[in-house]
N, C-alpha and C. Protein backbone atom coordinates (compact mmCIF):
# COMPACT_ATOMS: atom_id res chain seq x y z
N UNK A 1 42.42 58.11 -12.32
CA UNK A 1 43.54 57.50 -13.01
C UNK A 1 43.52 55.98 -12.89
N UNK A 2 43.20 55.46 -11.68
CA UNK A 2 43.16 54.02 -11.48
C UNK A 2 42.10 53.38 -12.37
N UNK A 3 40.98 54.11 -12.54
CA UNK A 3 39.90 53.60 -13.38
C UNK A 3 40.39 53.41 -14.82
N UNK A 4 41.13 54.38 -15.35
CA UNK A 4 41.62 54.29 -16.72
C UNK A 4 42.67 53.19 -16.86
N UNK A 5 43.52 53.07 -15.87
CA UNK A 5 44.53 52.01 -15.88
C UNK A 5 43.86 50.64 -15.89
N UNK A 6 42.81 50.48 -15.07
CA UNK A 6 42.06 49.23 -15.03
C UNK A 6 41.46 48.92 -16.40
N UNK A 7 40.87 49.91 -17.06
CA UNK A 7 40.27 49.72 -18.38
C UNK A 7 41.32 49.34 -19.43
N UNK A 8 42.48 49.94 -19.34
CA UNK A 8 43.55 49.61 -20.29
C UNK A 8 44.00 48.17 -20.09
N UNK A 9 44.22 47.78 -18.84
CA UNK A 9 44.64 46.41 -18.55
C UNK A 9 43.56 45.42 -18.99
N UNK A 10 42.31 45.72 -18.70
CA UNK A 10 41.19 44.86 -19.10
C UNK A 10 41.13 44.71 -20.62
N UNK A 11 41.33 45.79 -21.34
CA UNK A 11 41.33 45.76 -22.80
C UNK A 11 42.46 44.89 -23.34
N UNK A 12 43.64 45.03 -22.75
CA UNK A 12 44.78 44.22 -23.19
C UNK A 12 44.53 42.75 -22.91
N UNK A 13 44.04 42.43 -21.72
CA UNK A 13 43.76 41.03 -21.38
C UNK A 13 42.70 40.43 -22.29
N UNK A 14 41.67 41.22 -22.58
CA UNK A 14 40.61 40.74 -23.48
C UNK A 14 41.17 40.49 -24.87
N UNK A 15 41.97 41.41 -25.37
CA UNK A 15 42.57 41.24 -26.70
C UNK A 15 43.46 40.01 -26.73
N UNK A 16 44.23 39.80 -25.68
CA UNK A 16 45.10 38.62 -25.63
C UNK A 16 44.26 37.35 -25.61
N UNK A 17 43.18 37.37 -24.89
CA UNK A 17 42.32 36.19 -24.83
C UNK A 17 41.71 35.87 -26.17
N UNK A 18 41.38 36.89 -26.94
CA UNK A 18 40.77 36.66 -28.24
C UNK A 18 41.77 36.09 -29.22
N UNK A 19 43.01 36.51 -29.15
CA UNK A 19 44.00 35.99 -30.08
C UNK A 19 44.46 34.59 -29.68
N UNK A 20 44.16 34.21 -28.43
CA UNK A 20 44.58 32.91 -27.91
C UNK A 20 43.39 31.95 -27.91
N UNK A 21 42.59 31.99 -28.96
CA UNK A 21 41.39 31.19 -29.00
C UNK A 21 41.16 30.63 -30.39
N UNK A 22 40.56 29.45 -30.42
CA UNK A 22 40.14 28.88 -31.70
C UNK A 22 38.69 29.23 -31.99
N UNK A 23 38.14 30.16 -31.24
CA UNK A 23 36.74 30.55 -31.40
C UNK A 23 35.87 29.77 -30.43
N UNK A 24 34.62 29.55 -30.84
CA UNK A 24 33.67 28.84 -29.99
C UNK A 24 33.28 27.52 -30.63
N UNK A 25 32.74 26.62 -29.80
CA UNK A 25 32.26 25.35 -30.33
C UNK A 25 30.76 25.44 -30.61
N UNK A 26 30.15 24.31 -30.94
CA UNK A 26 28.74 24.27 -31.31
C UNK A 26 27.82 24.66 -30.16
N UNK A 27 28.32 24.69 -28.94
CA UNK A 27 27.53 25.07 -27.76
C UNK A 27 27.81 26.50 -27.32
N UNK A 28 28.66 27.20 -28.08
CA UNK A 28 29.00 28.58 -27.73
C UNK A 28 30.11 28.67 -26.69
N UNK A 29 30.79 27.57 -26.40
CA UNK A 29 31.86 27.55 -25.41
C UNK A 29 33.18 27.89 -26.09
N UNK A 30 33.93 28.87 -25.54
CA UNK A 30 35.23 29.22 -26.14
C UNK A 30 36.20 28.03 -26.08
N UNK A 31 36.98 27.87 -27.15
CA UNK A 31 38.00 26.82 -27.22
C UNK A 31 39.35 27.52 -27.19
N UNK A 32 39.99 27.46 -26.05
CA UNK A 32 41.27 28.14 -25.85
C UNK A 32 42.41 27.31 -26.42
N UNK A 33 43.33 27.98 -27.06
CA UNK A 33 44.52 27.29 -27.57
C UNK A 33 45.38 26.77 -26.42
N UNK A 34 45.26 27.35 -25.24
CA UNK A 34 46.03 26.88 -24.09
C UNK A 34 45.68 25.43 -23.76
N UNK A 35 44.44 25.03 -24.04
CA UNK A 35 44.02 23.65 -23.79
C UNK A 35 44.67 22.66 -24.75
N UNK A 36 45.25 23.18 -25.83
CA UNK A 36 45.81 22.33 -26.87
C UNK A 36 47.32 22.12 -26.74
N UNK A 37 47.91 22.72 -25.73
CA UNK A 37 49.36 22.59 -25.54
C UNK A 37 49.75 21.12 -25.42
N UNK A 38 50.74 20.73 -26.18
CA UNK A 38 51.26 19.35 -26.17
C UNK A 38 50.23 18.30 -26.56
N UNK A 39 49.27 18.68 -27.39
CA UNK A 39 48.21 17.77 -27.82
C UNK A 39 48.32 17.47 -29.31
N UNK A 40 47.99 16.25 -29.67
CA UNK A 40 47.77 15.90 -31.07
C UNK A 40 46.33 16.28 -31.38
N UNK A 41 46.07 16.79 -32.57
CA UNK A 41 44.72 17.17 -32.96
C UNK A 41 44.26 16.33 -34.15
N UNK A 42 43.02 15.92 -34.10
CA UNK A 42 42.35 15.30 -35.24
C UNK A 42 41.24 16.28 -35.61
N UNK A 43 41.39 16.93 -36.76
CA UNK A 43 40.42 17.94 -37.20
C UNK A 43 39.65 17.33 -38.36
N UNK A 44 38.37 17.09 -38.14
CA UNK A 44 37.51 16.40 -39.10
C UNK A 44 36.50 17.36 -39.71
N UNK A 45 36.45 17.37 -41.05
CA UNK A 45 35.46 18.15 -41.78
C UNK A 45 34.30 17.24 -42.15
N UNK A 46 33.08 17.70 -41.88
CA UNK A 46 31.89 16.87 -42.08
C UNK A 46 30.72 17.74 -42.55
N UNK A 47 29.70 17.07 -43.03
CA UNK A 47 28.42 17.71 -43.37
C UNK A 47 27.32 16.69 -43.13
N UNK A 48 26.16 17.17 -42.76
CA UNK A 48 25.05 16.28 -42.44
C UNK A 48 24.59 15.49 -43.66
N UNK A 49 24.77 16.04 -44.85
CA UNK A 49 24.32 15.37 -46.08
C UNK A 49 25.33 14.33 -46.59
N UNK A 50 26.47 14.19 -45.94
CA UNK A 50 27.54 13.29 -46.36
C UNK A 50 27.39 11.95 -45.63
N UNK A 51 26.98 10.91 -46.36
CA UNK A 51 26.75 9.59 -45.74
C UNK A 51 28.02 9.03 -45.09
N UNK A 52 29.20 9.07 -45.73
CA UNK A 52 30.40 8.57 -45.06
C UNK A 52 30.73 9.37 -43.78
N UNK A 53 30.41 10.66 -43.79
CA UNK A 53 30.62 11.48 -42.59
C UNK A 53 29.75 10.95 -41.45
N UNK A 54 28.50 10.67 -41.76
CA UNK A 54 27.57 10.15 -40.73
C UNK A 54 28.06 8.81 -40.19
N UNK A 55 28.63 7.97 -41.05
CA UNK A 55 29.17 6.69 -40.61
C UNK A 55 30.40 6.86 -39.73
N UNK A 56 31.17 7.89 -40.00
CA UNK A 56 32.44 8.12 -39.32
C UNK A 56 32.27 8.74 -37.92
N UNK A 57 31.19 9.44 -37.68
CA UNK A 57 31.00 10.16 -36.42
C UNK A 57 31.12 9.25 -35.19
N UNK A 58 30.49 8.07 -35.17
CA UNK A 58 30.65 7.21 -33.99
C UNK A 58 32.12 6.82 -33.74
N UNK A 59 32.90 6.64 -34.79
CA UNK A 59 34.32 6.32 -34.64
C UNK A 59 35.08 7.50 -34.03
N UNK A 60 34.76 8.71 -34.49
CA UNK A 60 35.40 9.91 -33.94
C UNK A 60 34.96 10.15 -32.50
N UNK A 61 33.68 9.87 -32.20
CA UNK A 61 33.21 9.97 -30.81
C UNK A 61 34.00 9.02 -29.92
N UNK A 62 34.21 7.79 -30.39
CA UNK A 62 34.97 6.80 -29.61
C UNK A 62 36.41 7.28 -29.40
N UNK A 63 37.01 7.85 -30.44
CA UNK A 63 38.36 8.39 -30.32
C UNK A 63 38.40 9.51 -29.28
N UNK A 64 37.42 10.39 -29.36
CA UNK A 64 37.32 11.51 -28.41
C UNK A 64 37.23 10.99 -26.98
N UNK A 65 36.34 10.05 -26.73
CA UNK A 65 36.16 9.53 -25.38
C UNK A 65 37.38 8.76 -24.89
N UNK A 66 38.03 8.06 -25.78
CA UNK A 66 39.16 7.21 -25.41
C UNK A 66 40.47 7.98 -25.20
N UNK A 67 40.68 9.05 -25.99
CA UNK A 67 42.00 9.69 -25.98
C UNK A 67 42.04 11.15 -25.54
N UNK A 68 40.90 11.76 -25.21
CA UNK A 68 40.93 13.19 -24.87
C UNK A 68 41.79 13.49 -23.65
N UNK A 69 42.00 12.50 -22.79
CA UNK A 69 42.88 12.70 -21.63
C UNK A 69 44.24 12.03 -21.83
N UNK A 70 44.53 11.64 -23.07
CA UNK A 70 45.80 10.97 -23.39
C UNK A 70 46.59 11.70 -24.47
N UNK A 71 46.35 13.00 -24.60
CA UNK A 71 47.16 13.79 -25.53
C UNK A 71 46.62 13.90 -26.93
N UNK A 72 45.35 13.50 -27.15
CA UNK A 72 44.73 13.62 -28.49
C UNK A 72 43.38 14.30 -28.33
N UNK A 73 43.16 15.34 -29.10
CA UNK A 73 41.88 16.06 -29.10
C UNK A 73 41.25 15.95 -30.48
N UNK A 74 39.94 15.72 -30.49
CA UNK A 74 39.18 15.64 -31.74
C UNK A 74 38.35 16.91 -31.86
N UNK A 75 38.39 17.52 -33.05
CA UNK A 75 37.57 18.69 -33.34
C UNK A 75 36.89 18.48 -34.68
N UNK A 76 35.66 18.93 -34.76
CA UNK A 76 34.93 18.90 -36.01
C UNK A 76 34.83 20.30 -36.60
N UNK A 77 34.66 20.32 -37.92
CA UNK A 77 34.42 21.58 -38.64
C UNK A 77 33.33 21.28 -39.66
N UNK A 78 32.25 22.05 -39.60
CA UNK A 78 31.17 21.84 -40.55
C UNK A 78 31.56 22.41 -41.90
N UNK A 79 31.52 21.57 -42.93
CA UNK A 79 31.91 21.95 -44.29
C UNK A 79 31.05 23.09 -44.83
N UNK A 80 29.78 23.10 -44.43
CA UNK A 80 28.84 24.12 -44.93
C UNK A 80 28.93 25.44 -44.15
N UNK A 81 29.86 25.53 -43.22
CA UNK A 81 30.11 26.73 -42.43
C UNK A 81 28.89 27.19 -41.64
N UNK A 82 28.12 26.21 -41.14
CA UNK A 82 26.97 26.56 -40.31
C UNK A 82 27.43 27.24 -39.04
N UNK A 83 26.58 28.08 -38.50
CA UNK A 83 26.87 28.82 -37.27
C UNK A 83 25.68 28.73 -36.32
N UNK A 84 25.93 29.03 -35.07
CA UNK A 84 24.87 29.18 -34.08
C UNK A 84 23.97 27.96 -33.94
N UNK A 85 22.67 28.24 -33.95
CA UNK A 85 21.67 27.18 -33.75
C UNK A 85 21.71 26.11 -34.84
N UNK A 86 21.99 26.50 -36.06
CA UNK A 86 22.06 25.53 -37.17
C UNK A 86 23.22 24.56 -36.95
N UNK A 87 24.36 25.07 -36.51
CA UNK A 87 25.51 24.21 -36.23
C UNK A 87 25.21 23.27 -35.06
N UNK A 88 24.61 23.80 -34.03
CA UNK A 88 24.26 22.98 -32.88
C UNK A 88 23.24 21.91 -33.26
N UNK A 89 22.25 22.26 -34.07
CA UNK A 89 21.22 21.30 -34.48
C UNK A 89 21.81 20.16 -35.30
N UNK A 90 22.65 20.48 -36.29
CA UNK A 90 23.25 19.41 -37.10
C UNK A 90 24.21 18.55 -36.29
N UNK A 91 24.94 19.17 -35.36
CA UNK A 91 25.84 18.42 -34.49
C UNK A 91 25.04 17.44 -33.63
N UNK A 92 23.93 17.90 -33.09
CA UNK A 92 23.07 17.04 -32.28
C UNK A 92 22.43 15.95 -33.14
N UNK A 93 22.02 16.32 -34.32
CA UNK A 93 21.39 15.36 -35.23
C UNK A 93 22.31 14.19 -35.53
N UNK A 94 23.62 14.47 -35.64
CA UNK A 94 24.58 13.40 -35.91
C UNK A 94 25.14 12.77 -34.64
N UNK A 95 24.76 13.30 -33.48
CA UNK A 95 25.24 12.75 -32.21
C UNK A 95 26.71 13.02 -31.95
N UNK A 96 27.20 14.16 -32.40
CA UNK A 96 28.62 14.49 -32.24
C UNK A 96 28.91 14.83 -30.78
N UNK A 97 29.85 14.11 -30.19
CA UNK A 97 30.22 14.29 -28.79
C UNK A 97 31.43 15.19 -28.60
N UNK A 98 32.21 15.40 -29.65
CA UNK A 98 33.43 16.21 -29.56
C UNK A 98 33.11 17.64 -29.97
N UNK A 99 33.97 18.60 -29.63
CA UNK A 99 33.72 19.99 -30.00
C UNK A 99 33.74 20.19 -31.52
N UNK A 100 32.78 20.96 -32.01
CA UNK A 100 32.74 21.38 -33.41
C UNK A 100 33.02 22.87 -33.43
N UNK A 101 34.07 23.25 -34.11
CA UNK A 101 34.49 24.65 -34.13
C UNK A 101 33.60 25.46 -35.07
N UNK A 102 33.13 26.59 -34.59
CA UNK A 102 32.32 27.48 -35.42
C UNK A 102 33.19 28.21 -36.44
N UNK A 103 34.46 28.38 -36.10
CA UNK A 103 35.42 29.06 -36.98
C UNK A 103 36.38 28.01 -37.54
N UNK A 104 36.52 27.97 -38.84
CA UNK A 104 37.41 27.01 -39.49
C UNK A 104 38.86 27.30 -39.10
N UNK A 105 39.59 26.31 -38.55
CA UNK A 105 40.97 26.54 -38.13
C UNK A 105 41.99 26.33 -39.25
N UNK A 106 41.53 26.24 -40.49
CA UNK A 106 42.43 25.94 -41.62
C UNK A 106 43.59 26.94 -41.70
N UNK A 107 43.31 28.20 -41.56
CA UNK A 107 44.37 29.20 -41.65
C UNK A 107 45.34 29.06 -40.48
N UNK A 108 44.82 28.85 -39.29
CA UNK A 108 45.67 28.74 -38.09
C UNK A 108 46.69 27.61 -38.22
N UNK A 109 46.27 26.47 -38.83
CA UNK A 109 47.15 25.31 -38.96
C UNK A 109 47.65 25.10 -40.38
N UNK A 110 47.43 26.07 -41.27
CA UNK A 110 47.87 26.00 -42.67
C UNK A 110 47.37 24.71 -43.35
N UNK A 111 46.10 24.40 -43.13
CA UNK A 111 45.50 23.21 -43.74
C UNK A 111 45.14 23.49 -45.19
N UNK A 112 45.28 22.50 -46.05
CA UNK A 112 44.88 22.68 -47.45
C UNK A 112 43.35 22.84 -47.57
N UNK A 113 42.94 23.36 -48.69
CA UNK A 113 41.52 23.50 -48.97
C UNK A 113 40.86 22.14 -49.06
N UNK A 114 39.69 22.03 -48.45
CA UNK A 114 38.94 20.77 -48.47
C UNK A 114 38.16 20.70 -49.77
N UNK A 115 38.35 19.59 -50.51
CA UNK A 115 37.65 19.41 -51.78
C UNK A 115 36.69 18.23 -51.78
N UNK A 116 36.72 17.41 -50.77
CA UNK A 116 35.84 16.26 -50.68
C UNK A 116 35.66 15.86 -49.23
N UNK A 117 34.57 15.18 -48.95
CA UNK A 117 34.27 14.75 -47.58
C UNK A 117 34.11 13.25 -47.51
N UNK A 118 34.34 12.69 -46.33
CA UNK A 118 34.96 13.35 -45.19
C UNK A 118 36.47 13.43 -45.37
N UNK A 119 37.05 14.36 -44.64
CA UNK A 119 38.50 14.50 -44.61
C UNK A 119 38.89 14.92 -43.20
N UNK A 120 40.01 14.37 -42.74
CA UNK A 120 40.54 14.73 -41.42
C UNK A 120 42.01 15.08 -41.57
N UNK A 121 42.46 15.97 -40.71
CA UNK A 121 43.87 16.35 -40.68
C UNK A 121 44.42 16.02 -39.30
N UNK A 122 45.61 15.47 -39.28
CA UNK A 122 46.32 15.21 -38.03
C UNK A 122 47.32 16.34 -37.84
N UNK A 123 47.24 17.01 -36.70
CA UNK A 123 48.14 18.11 -36.36
C UNK A 123 48.96 17.68 -35.16
N UNK A 124 50.28 17.80 -35.26
CA UNK A 124 51.15 17.37 -34.17
C UNK A 124 51.16 18.39 -33.03
N UNK A 125 51.77 18.05 -31.89
CA UNK A 125 51.79 18.97 -30.74
C UNK A 125 52.49 20.30 -31.00
N UNK A 126 53.26 20.39 -32.06
CA UNK A 126 53.89 21.66 -32.42
C UNK A 126 52.96 22.53 -33.26
N UNK A 127 51.77 22.04 -33.58
CA UNK A 127 50.80 22.81 -34.35
C UNK A 127 50.97 22.70 -35.85
N UNK A 128 51.68 21.67 -36.31
CA UNK A 128 51.93 21.47 -37.74
C UNK A 128 51.11 20.28 -38.23
N UNK A 129 50.36 20.48 -39.31
CA UNK A 129 49.61 19.32 -39.83
C UNK A 129 50.57 18.38 -40.52
N UNK A 130 50.40 17.10 -40.19
CA UNK A 130 51.34 16.10 -40.67
C UNK A 130 50.69 15.05 -41.57
N UNK A 131 49.38 14.90 -41.51
CA UNK A 131 48.72 13.90 -42.35
C UNK A 131 47.32 14.36 -42.72
N UNK A 132 46.95 14.04 -43.96
CA UNK A 132 45.59 14.26 -44.45
C UNK A 132 44.98 12.88 -44.65
N UNK A 133 43.82 12.67 -44.02
CA UNK A 133 43.13 11.39 -44.13
C UNK A 133 41.85 11.60 -44.93
N UNK A 134 41.83 11.09 -46.15
CA UNK A 134 40.67 11.26 -47.01
C UNK A 134 39.76 10.04 -46.91
N UNK A 135 38.47 10.29 -46.93
CA UNK A 135 37.51 9.20 -46.86
C UNK A 135 37.20 8.80 -45.43
N UNK A 136 36.25 7.91 -45.33
CA UNK A 136 35.75 7.46 -44.03
C UNK A 136 36.85 6.74 -43.24
N UNK A 137 37.03 7.15 -41.99
CA UNK A 137 38.05 6.57 -41.11
C UNK A 137 37.38 5.78 -39.99
N UNK A 138 38.18 4.92 -39.37
CA UNK A 138 37.74 4.17 -38.20
C UNK A 138 38.62 4.55 -37.02
N UNK A 139 38.21 4.18 -35.85
CA UNK A 139 39.03 4.38 -34.67
C UNK A 139 40.40 3.77 -34.88
N UNK A 140 40.43 2.53 -35.35
CA UNK A 140 41.71 1.83 -35.55
C UNK A 140 42.58 2.50 -36.61
N UNK A 141 41.97 2.98 -37.71
CA UNK A 141 42.79 3.61 -38.75
C UNK A 141 43.41 4.91 -38.25
N UNK A 142 42.68 5.67 -37.45
CA UNK A 142 43.23 6.92 -36.91
C UNK A 142 44.29 6.62 -35.87
N UNK A 143 44.05 5.63 -35.02
CA UNK A 143 45.06 5.24 -34.04
C UNK A 143 46.36 4.82 -34.73
N UNK A 144 46.25 4.11 -35.83
CA UNK A 144 47.43 3.68 -36.57
C UNK A 144 48.21 4.87 -37.12
N UNK A 145 47.49 5.83 -37.69
CA UNK A 145 48.15 7.02 -38.23
C UNK A 145 48.83 7.80 -37.11
N UNK A 146 48.13 7.99 -36.00
CA UNK A 146 48.72 8.70 -34.87
C UNK A 146 50.00 8.00 -34.40
N UNK A 147 49.94 6.70 -34.31
CA UNK A 147 51.10 5.92 -33.90
C UNK A 147 52.24 6.06 -34.91
N UNK A 148 51.91 5.98 -36.20
CA UNK A 148 52.92 6.13 -37.26
C UNK A 148 53.60 7.51 -37.19
N UNK A 149 52.84 8.51 -36.77
CA UNK A 149 53.38 9.89 -36.71
C UNK A 149 54.13 10.18 -35.42
N UNK A 150 54.10 9.24 -34.46
CA UNK A 150 54.90 9.45 -33.25
C UNK A 150 54.14 9.56 -31.95
N UNK A 151 52.80 9.53 -32.00
CA UNK A 151 52.03 9.57 -30.76
C UNK A 151 52.10 8.20 -30.09
N UNK A 152 52.23 8.22 -28.79
CA UNK A 152 52.15 6.97 -28.04
C UNK A 152 51.32 7.22 -26.79
N UNK A 153 50.49 6.25 -26.45
CA UNK A 153 49.62 6.38 -25.30
C UNK A 153 50.46 6.49 -24.03
N UNK A 154 50.10 7.41 -23.16
CA UNK A 154 50.85 7.55 -21.89
C UNK A 154 50.63 6.35 -20.98
């Protein structure tokens, strides 16, 4: 009986863990929604063939390094929906330092359909997208938008 109870509890915990996840990143590491509590999100859609995307990556890397411990998380999403080794290879090719989600979070955050690149969405700590940023962004332009939306550095 204890064995069956253990299996039931394990199944429930596993199911809960799966529903509490944004999937895996380009390295196969699970991205838990628990890590996103009280965080602003910058969700950037990119593709290796997009020249403005390639120009924007160093700015997003700088944002990631500067603010990941200050209430702002940067996530990438590959526009071509690459998975596994292909996603990891293109992420490395562009020198992406922030997590790239293998699963598009558009449905989770009710993001509009992406029609052009690059595009980024700002999601507030309540999980609601508040701004769409079309075209190539800079560290300063994203900081300004975050500030305009209510984020302030701790």
